[in-house]
Amino acid sequence: MSALFAHVACCIDDSEASGLALAEAKRLAGDDGRLSLVHVTQQPVLYPDPAGSMVPHPASIHERAGRWLERQASAIPSAEAVLLEGHPGTAACVWAEGARPDLIVAAAHRGLIQRLFLGSFASYLAHHSPVNVLLVRADKIPDAVKT
């Protein structure tokens, strides 16, 4: 299938909803489109362990996320891994400003409580992205399409 978009970026995490967004991004990029898999790590809340070092160590979280993202990208021909750090919505929008994908695809899947405490990545993208955004709602996709 030829690409509907020359460059599609898909914001992913390890959720089922994110897998559905990735499937849609792959469909829209087609066989000849560019696909960027974007993942953002945040600075965790740190606390000292008995030896005095900080746990979890931010570098190890970023390295682990990078290995996970590379595995995801290596499973898709022509996909590139884009690992960012910081506030997820802000980091993704700053990256998009420079990379200028034709479309950003992301899952909209947090419940009310998560949105209240963590904010809504999908909402932030929808309101602040410099490029078009497609939000995939996992709760609105028929089961026949999910499989």
N, C-alpha and C. Protein backbone atom coordinates (compact mmCIF):
# COMPACT_ATOMS: atom_id res chain seq x y z
N MET A 1 0.85 -1.18 0.00
CA MET A 1 0.00 0.00 0.00
C MET A 1 0.89 1.24 0.00
N SER A 2 0.57 2.20 -0.82
CA SER A 2 1.36 3.43 -0.84
C SER A 2 0.96 4.33 0.33
N ALA A 3 1.86 5.20 0.70
CA ALA A 3 1.67 6.06 1.86
C ALA A 3 0.58 7.09 1.63
N LEU A 4 -0.25 7.27 2.64
CA LEU A 4 -1.22 8.36 2.63
C LEU A 4 -0.55 9.64 3.11
N PHE A 5 0.53 9.49 3.89
CA PHE A 5 1.31 10.61 4.42
C PHE A 5 2.78 10.26 4.22
N ALA A 6 3.59 11.25 3.86
CA ALA A 6 5.01 11.00 3.65
C ALA A 6 5.74 10.70 4.95
N HIS A 7 5.34 11.37 6.05
CA HIS A 7 6.00 11.16 7.34
C HIS A 7 4.95 11.15 8.44
N VAL A 8 4.81 10.00 9.08
CA VAL A 8 3.88 9.83 10.19
C VAL A 8 4.69 9.60 11.46
N ALA A 9 4.37 10.32 12.51
CA ALA A 9 4.98 10.09 13.82
C ALA A 9 3.92 9.45 14.70
N CYS A 10 4.32 8.44 15.45
CA CYS A 10 3.40 7.78 16.37
C CYS A 10 3.99 7.82 17.77
N CYS A 11 3.29 8.45 18.68
CA CYS A 11 3.70 8.51 20.08
C CYS A 11 3.27 7.22 20.75
N ILE A 12 4.25 6.49 21.30
CA ILE A 12 3.94 5.17 21.86
C ILE A 12 4.42 5.02 23.29
N ASP A 13 3.72 4.15 23.99
CA ASP A 13 4.16 3.65 25.29
C ASP A 13 3.86 2.15 25.26
N ASP A 14 3.85 1.49 26.40
CA ASP A 14 3.64 0.05 26.38
C ASP A 14 2.19 -0.36 26.64
N SER A 15 1.24 0.53 26.38
CA SER A 15 -0.17 0.21 26.60
C SER A 15 -0.80 -0.45 25.36
N GLU A 16 -1.89 -1.14 25.59
CA GLU A 16 -2.64 -1.74 24.48
C GLU A 16 -3.18 -0.66 23.54
N ALA A 17 -3.64 0.44 24.12
CA ALA A 17 -4.16 1.54 23.31
C ALA A 17 -3.07 2.09 22.39
N SER A 18 -1.86 2.18 22.89
CA SER A 18 -0.75 2.65 22.07
C SER A 18 -0.48 1.69 20.91
N GLY A 19 -0.66 0.41 21.13
CA GLY A 19 -0.52 -0.57 20.06
C GLY A 19 -1.53 -0.34 18.96
N LEU A 20 -2.73 0.05 19.32
CA LEU A 20 -3.76 0.35 18.32
C LEU A 20 -3.40 1.62 17.54
N ALA A 21 -2.86 2.61 18.24
CA ALA A 21 -2.42 3.84 17.56
C ALA A 21 -1.29 3.52 16.59
N LEU A 22 -0.38 2.65 16.99
CA LEU A 22 0.73 2.26 16.12
C LEU A 22 0.23 1.53 14.88
N ALA A 23 -0.75 0.68 15.04
CA ALA A 23 -1.32 -0.02 13.88
C ALA A 23 -1.91 0.98 12.88
N GLU A 24 -2.57 1.99 13.40
CA GLU A 24 -3.15 3.03 12.52
C GLU A 24 -2.05 3.85 11.86
N ALA A 25 -1.01 4.18 12.61
CA ALA A 25 0.11 4.94 12.05
C ALA A 25 0.80 4.15 10.94
N LYS A 26 0.99 2.86 11.14
CA LYS A 26 1.61 2.01 10.10
C LYS A 26 0.73 1.99 8.85
N ARG A 27 -0.57 1.90 9.04
CA ARG A 27 -1.49 1.90 7.90
C ARG A 27 -1.39 3.21 7.13
N LEU A 28 -1.33 4.32 7.83
CA LEU A 28 -1.28 5.62 7.18
C LEU A 28 0.08 5.90 6.52
N ALA A 29 1.14 5.36 7.07
CA ALA A 29 2.47 5.53 6.47
C ALA A 29 2.64 4.62 5.27
N GLY A 30 1.90 3.53 5.23
CA GLY A 30 2.00 2.60 4.11
C GLY A 30 3.39 1.97 4.03
N ASP A 31 3.68 1.39 2.89
CA ASP A 31 4.95 0.71 2.70
C ASP A 31 6.09 1.67 2.38
N ASP A 32 5.77 2.83 1.86
CA ASP A 32 6.84 3.74 1.43
C ASP A 32 6.90 5.05 2.20
N GLY A 33 6.09 5.18 3.25
CA GLY A 33 6.14 6.39 4.07
C GLY A 33 7.14 6.25 5.21
N ARG A 34 7.55 7.36 5.74
CA ARG A 34 8.47 7.38 6.89
C ARG A 34 7.65 7.29 8.17
N LEU A 35 8.09 6.45 9.09
CA LEU A 35 7.38 6.26 10.36
C LEU A 35 8.36 6.51 11.51
N SER A 36 8.05 7.49 12.33
CA SER A 36 8.86 7.79 13.51
C SER A 36 8.08 7.32 14.74
N LEU A 37 8.73 6.48 15.55
CA LEU A 37 8.13 6.04 16.81
C LEU A 37 8.69 6.92 17.91
N VAL A 38 7.83 7.70 18.53
CA VAL A 38 8.25 8.71 19.51
C VAL A 38 7.86 8.25 20.91
N HIS A 39 8.82 8.28 21.81
CA HIS A 39 8.57 7.94 23.21
C HIS A 39 9.29 8.97 24.07
N VAL A 40 8.64 9.40 25.14
CA VAL A 40 9.21 10.42 26.03
C VAL A 40 9.37 9.85 27.42
N THR A 41 10.58 9.99 27.97
CA THR A 41 10.79 9.62 29.37
C THR A 41 10.74 10.90 30.21
N GLN A 42 10.21 10.76 31.41
CA GLN A 42 10.11 11.89 32.33
C GLN A 42 11.10 11.70 33.47
N GLN A 43 11.48 12.79 34.09
CA GLN A 43 12.30 12.69 35.29
C GLN A 43 11.43 12.08 36.39
N PRO A 44 11.87 10.98 36.97
CA PRO A 44 11.07 10.35 38.03
C PRO A 44 11.23 11.07 39.36
N VAL A 45 10.35 10.74 40.28
CA VAL A 45 10.51 11.20 41.65
C VAL A 45 11.64 10.36 42.24
N LEU A 46 12.67 11.03 42.72
CA LEU A 46 13.85 10.33 43.22
C LEU A 46 13.83 10.24 44.75
N TYR A 47 14.40 9.17 45.26
CA TYR A 47 14.56 9.03 46.70
C TYR A 47 15.89 8.33 46.96
N PRO A 48 16.55 8.63 48.08
CA PRO A 48 17.86 8.02 48.35
C PRO A 48 17.73 6.58 48.83
N ASP A 49 18.64 5.72 48.36
CA ASP A 49 18.69 4.36 48.90
C ASP A 49 19.65 4.37 50.10
N PRO A 50 19.78 3.26 50.82
CA PRO A 50 20.65 3.25 52.01
C PRO A 50 22.11 3.63 51.72
N ALA A 51 22.58 3.40 50.50
CA ALA A 51 23.98 3.73 50.16
C ALA A 51 24.13 5.20 49.83
N GLY A 52 23.03 5.94 49.72
CA GLY A 52 23.11 7.37 49.47
C GLY A 52 22.91 7.78 48.02
N SER A 53 22.84 6.83 47.10
CA SER A 53 22.59 7.21 45.70
C SER A 53 21.09 7.36 45.48
N MET A 54 20.75 8.01 44.40
CA MET A 54 19.33 8.27 44.13
C MET A 54 18.70 7.10 43.37
N VAL A 55 17.50 6.74 43.76
CA VAL A 55 16.77 5.63 43.15
C VAL A 55 15.44 6.16 42.68
N PRO A 56 14.93 5.83 41.53
CA PRO A 56 15.67 5.18 40.45
C PRO A 56 16.59 6.20 39.79
N HIS A 57 17.67 5.74 39.23
CA HIS A 57 18.62 6.64 38.59
C HIS A 57 18.06 7.07 37.23
N PRO A 58 17.94 8.37 36.96
CA PRO A 58 17.34 8.85 35.71
C PRO A 58 18.00 8.29 34.46
N ALA A 59 19.32 8.13 34.49
CA ALA A 59 20.02 7.61 33.31
C ALA A 59 19.60 6.18 33.00
N SER A 60 19.41 5.37 34.05
CA SER A 60 19.02 3.98 33.80
C SER A 60 17.60 3.90 33.25
N ILE A 61 16.73 4.78 33.68
CA ILE A 61 15.36 4.80 33.14
C ILE A 61 15.39 5.18 31.67
N HIS A 62 16.18 6.18 31.33
CA HIS A 62 16.28 6.63 29.94
C HIS A 62 16.91 5.54 29.06
N GLU A 63 17.95 4.89 29.56
CA GLU A 63 18.60 3.81 28.81
C GLU A 63 17.65 2.64 28.57
N ARG A 64 16.92 2.25 29.60
CA ARG A 64 15.95 1.15 29.48
C ARG A 64 14.87 1.49 28.47
N ALA A 65 14.38 2.72 28.53
CA ALA A 65 13.35 3.16 27.58
C ALA A 65 13.91 3.16 26.16
N GLY A 66 15.16 3.56 26.01
CA GLY A 66 15.79 3.56 24.70
C GLY A 66 15.91 2.17 24.11
N ARG A 67 16.28 1.21 24.93
CA ARG A 67 16.37 -0.19 24.46
C ARG A 67 14.99 -0.70 24.05
N TRP A 68 13.98 -0.40 24.88
CA TRP A 68 12.61 -0.83 24.56
C TRP A 68 12.16 -0.22 23.23
N LEU A 69 12.41 1.08 23.06
CA LEU A 69 11.98 1.77 21.85
C LEU A 69 12.71 1.23 20.62
N GLU A 70 13.99 0.94 20.73
CA GLU A 70 14.74 0.37 19.61
C GLU A 70 14.17 -0.99 19.21
N ARG A 71 13.76 -1.81 20.18
CA ARG A 71 13.13 -3.10 19.86
C ARG A 71 11.83 -2.89 19.09
N GLN A 72 11.05 -1.89 19.51
CA GLN A 72 9.78 -1.62 18.81
C GLN A 72 10.05 -1.20 17.37
N ALA A 73 11.02 -0.31 17.19
CA ALA A 73 11.32 0.21 15.85
C ALA A 73 11.93 -0.86 14.96
N SER A 74 12.75 -1.74 15.53
CA SER A 74 13.41 -2.77 14.71
C SER A 74 12.41 -3.79 14.17
N ALA A 75 11.24 -3.88 14.77
CA ALA A 75 10.22 -4.83 14.31
C ALA A 75 9.43 -4.29 13.12
N ILE A 76 9.65 -3.04 12.75
CA ILE A 76 8.90 -2.41 11.66
C ILE A 76 9.89 -1.90 10.62
N PRO A 77 9.82 -2.43 9.40
CA PRO A 77 10.74 -1.95 8.37
C PRO A 77 10.61 -0.43 8.19
N SER A 78 11.70 0.23 8.10
CA SER A 78 11.82 1.67 7.85
C SER A 78 11.36 2.56 9.02
N ALA A 79 11.06 1.99 10.17
CA ALA A 79 10.67 2.82 11.33
C ALA A 79 11.93 3.33 12.02
N GLU A 80 11.83 4.55 12.53
CA GLU A 80 12.94 5.13 13.29
C GLU A 80 12.48 5.41 14.71
N ALA A 81 13.40 5.18 15.65
CA ALA A 81 13.11 5.44 17.06
C ALA A 81 13.50 6.87 17.41
N VAL A 82 12.60 7.56 18.11
CA VAL A 82 12.86 8.92 18.57
C VAL A 82 12.60 8.94 20.08
N LEU A 83 13.68 8.97 20.85
CA LEU A 83 13.57 8.98 22.31
C LEU A 83 13.79 10.40 22.81
N LEU A 84 12.80 10.92 23.52
CA LEU A 84 12.85 12.28 24.05
C LEU A 84 12.81 12.23 25.56
N GLU A 85 13.10 13.35 26.19
CA GLU A 85 13.08 13.41 27.64
C GLU A 85 12.42 14.71 28.08
N GLY A 86 11.63 14.64 29.14
CA GLY A 86 10.98 15.83 29.67
C GLY A 86 9.49 15.63 29.82
N HIS A 87 8.77 16.75 29.86
CA HIS A 87 7.31 16.70 29.91
C HIS A 87 6.84 16.11 28.58
N PRO A 88 6.07 15.01 28.60
CA PRO A 88 5.74 14.31 27.35
C PRO A 88 5.12 15.19 26.28
N GLY A 89 4.09 15.94 26.61
CA GLY A 89 3.43 16.77 25.61
C GLY A 89 4.34 17.84 25.04
N THR A 90 5.04 18.52 25.92
CA THR A 90 5.95 19.58 25.47
C THR A 90 7.07 19.02 24.62
N ALA A 91 7.69 17.93 25.07
CA ALA A 91 8.81 17.34 24.33
C ALA A 91 8.37 16.88 22.94
N ALA A 92 7.20 16.25 22.85
CA ALA A 92 6.71 15.78 21.55
C ALA A 92 6.42 16.95 20.62
N CYS A 93 5.85 18.02 21.14
CA CYS A 93 5.55 19.18 20.30
C CYS A 93 6.81 19.91 19.85
N VAL A 94 7.80 20.03 20.72
CA VAL A 94 9.06 20.65 20.34
C VAL A 94 9.74 19.82 19.25
N TRP A 95 9.75 18.50 19.43
CA TRP A 95 10.33 17.62 18.40
C TRP A 95 9.59 17.79 17.08
N ALA A 96 8.27 17.81 17.12
CA ALA A 96 7.47 17.94 15.89
C ALA A 96 7.72 19.26 15.18
N GLU A 97 8.00 20.30 15.93
CA GLU A 97 8.30 21.60 15.33
C GLU A 97 9.52 21.50 14.42
N GLY A 98 10.52 20.76 14.85
CA GLY A 98 11.73 20.59 14.06
C GLY A 98 11.62 19.52 13.00
N ALA A 99 11.01 18.38 13.33
CA ALA A 99 10.93 17.24 12.41
C ALA A 99 9.85 17.42 11.35
N ARG A 100 8.81 18.17 11.68
CA ARG A 100 7.69 18.46 10.77
C ARG A 100 7.07 17.21 10.12
N PRO A 101 6.64 16.23 10.94
CA PRO A 101 5.91 15.12 10.33
C PRO A 101 4.59 15.65 9.76
N ASP A 102 4.02 14.93 8.81
CA ASP A 102 2.73 15.33 8.24
C ASP A 102 1.60 15.10 9.24
N LEU A 103 1.79 14.13 10.12
CA LEU A 103 0.74 13.73 11.06
C LEU A 103 1.37 13.09 12.29
N ILE A 104 0.80 13.39 13.46
CA ILE A 104 1.16 12.68 14.69
C ILE A 104 -0.04 11.84 15.09
N VAL A 105 0.20 10.57 15.36
CA VAL A 105 -0.84 9.65 15.81
C VAL A 105 -0.53 9.28 17.26
N ALA A 106 -1.54 9.31 18.10
CA ALA A 106 -1.36 8.95 19.52
C ALA A 106 -2.65 8.34 20.04
N ALA A 107 -2.52 7.59 21.12
CA ALA A 107 -3.69 7.00 21.77
C ALA A 107 -4.26 7.97 22.78
N ALA A 108 -5.56 7.98 22.90
CA ALA A 108 -6.26 8.74 23.94
C ALA A 108 -6.91 7.69 24.84
N HIS A 109 -6.26 7.40 25.97
CA HIS A 109 -6.75 6.27 26.74
C HIS A 109 -6.74 6.44 28.25
N ARG A 110 -6.31 7.56 28.77
CA ARG A 110 -6.31 7.72 30.22
C ARG A 110 -7.71 7.97 30.75
N GLY A 111 -7.97 7.40 31.91
CA GLY A 111 -9.25 7.63 32.56
C GLY A 111 -9.26 8.96 33.30
N LEU A 112 -10.38 9.32 33.87
CA LEU A 112 -10.55 10.60 34.55
C LEU A 112 -9.53 10.82 35.66
N ILE A 113 -9.33 9.83 36.51
CA ILE A 113 -8.41 9.98 37.64
C ILE A 113 -6.98 10.20 37.14
N GLN A 114 -6.55 9.42 36.15
CA GLN A 114 -5.20 9.60 35.59
C GLN A 114 -5.05 10.98 34.97
N ARG A 115 -6.07 11.43 34.26
CA ARG A 115 -5.99 12.76 33.65
C ARG A 115 -5.89 13.85 34.70
N LEU A 116 -6.62 13.68 35.81
CA LEU A 116 -6.58 14.69 36.88
C LEU A 116 -5.19 14.79 37.50
N PHE A 117 -4.55 13.64 37.75
CA PHE A 117 -3.26 13.64 38.43
C PHE A 117 -2.08 13.77 37.47
N LEU A 118 -2.17 13.21 36.29
CA LEU A 118 -1.04 13.18 35.36
C LEU A 118 -1.21 14.13 34.18
N GLY A 119 -2.41 14.62 33.96
CA GLY A 119 -2.67 15.43 32.78
C GLY A 119 -2.99 14.54 31.60
N SER A 120 -3.37 15.15 30.52
CA SER A 120 -3.73 14.38 29.33
C SER A 120 -2.74 14.69 28.22
N PHE A 121 -1.92 13.70 27.89
CA PHE A 121 -0.96 13.83 26.80
C PHE A 121 -1.71 14.10 25.50
N ALA A 122 -2.78 13.34 25.25
CA ALA A 122 -3.55 13.49 24.02
C ALA A 122 -4.14 14.89 23.90
N SER A 123 -4.68 15.40 24.97
CA SER A 123 -5.25 16.75 24.95
C SER A 123 -4.17 17.79 24.69
N TYR A 124 -3.02 17.61 25.32
CA TYR A 124 -1.92 18.55 25.12
C TYR A 124 -1.52 18.56 23.64
N LEU A 125 -1.36 17.37 23.05
CA LEU A 125 -1.02 17.29 21.62
C LEU A 125 -2.07 17.98 20.76
N ALA A 126 -3.32 17.69 21.04
CA ALA A 126 -4.40 18.24 20.23
C ALA A 126 -4.40 19.77 20.26
N HIS A 127 -4.03 20.35 21.37
CA HIS A 127 -4.08 21.81 21.52
C HIS A 127 -2.78 22.53 21.18
N HIS A 128 -1.65 21.82 21.22
CA HIS A 128 -0.36 22.51 21.09
C HIS A 128 0.52 22.02 19.93
N SER A 129 0.16 20.94 19.30
CA SER A 129 1.01 20.40 18.23
C SER A 129 1.10 21.37 17.05
N PRO A 130 2.30 21.51 16.48
CA PRO A 130 2.45 22.35 15.30
C PRO A 130 2.01 21.67 14.01
N VAL A 131 1.66 20.38 14.11
CA VAL A 131 1.20 19.63 12.94
C VAL A 131 -0.12 18.94 13.28
N ASN A 132 -0.77 18.37 12.27
CA ASN A 132 -2.04 17.68 12.50
C ASN A 132 -1.86 16.47 13.41
N VAL A 133 -2.91 16.19 14.20
CA VAL A 133 -2.89 15.10 15.17
C VAL A 133 -4.10 14.22 14.95
N LEU A 134 -3.88 12.90 15.00
CA LEU A 134 -4.96 11.93 14.98
C LEU A 134 -4.92 11.18 16.30
N LEU A 135 -6.01 11.27 17.06
CA LEU A 135 -6.09 10.56 18.34
C LEU A 135 -6.91 9.30 18.15
N VAL A 136 -6.35 8.17 18.55
CA VAL A 136 -7.01 6.88 18.44
C VAL A 136 -7.60 6.56 19.80
N ARG A 137 -8.91 6.40 19.85
CA ARG A 137 -9.62 6.11 21.09
C ARG A 137 -9.84 4.61 21.18
N ALA A 138 -9.10 3.94 22.03
CA ALA A 138 -9.19 2.49 22.15
C ALA A 138 -10.59 2.03 22.55
N ASP A 139 -11.27 2.82 23.36
CA ASP A 139 -12.61 2.44 23.81
C ASP A 139 -13.67 2.60 22.74
N LYS A 140 -13.32 3.24 21.61
CA LYS A 140 -14.28 3.46 20.55
C LYS A 140 -14.03 2.59 19.31
N ILE A 141 -12.99 1.73 19.38
CA ILE A 141 -12.68 0.88 18.24
C ILE A 141 -13.41 -0.45 18.41
N PRO A 142 -14.17 -0.87 17.40
CA PRO A 142 -14.87 -2.15 17.50
C PRO A 142 -13.88 -3.30 17.70
N ASP A 143 -14.28 -4.33 18.46
CA ASP A 143 -13.40 -5.47 18.74
C ASP A 143 -12.89 -6.13 17.46
N ALA A 144 -13.70 -6.15 16.41
CA ALA A 144 -13.29 -6.79 15.16
C ALA A 144 -12.07 -6.08 14.56
N VAL A 145 -11.94 -4.79 14.77
CA VAL A 145 -10.81 -4.03 14.22
C VAL A 145 -9.57 -4.22 15.09
N LYS A 146 -9.75 -4.44 16.41
CA LYS A 146 -8.63 -4.58 17.33
C LYS A 146 -7.81 -5.83 17.08
N THR A 147 -8.40 -6.86 16.53
CA THR A 147 -7.67 -8.12 16.34
C THR A 147 -6.98 -8.20 15.02
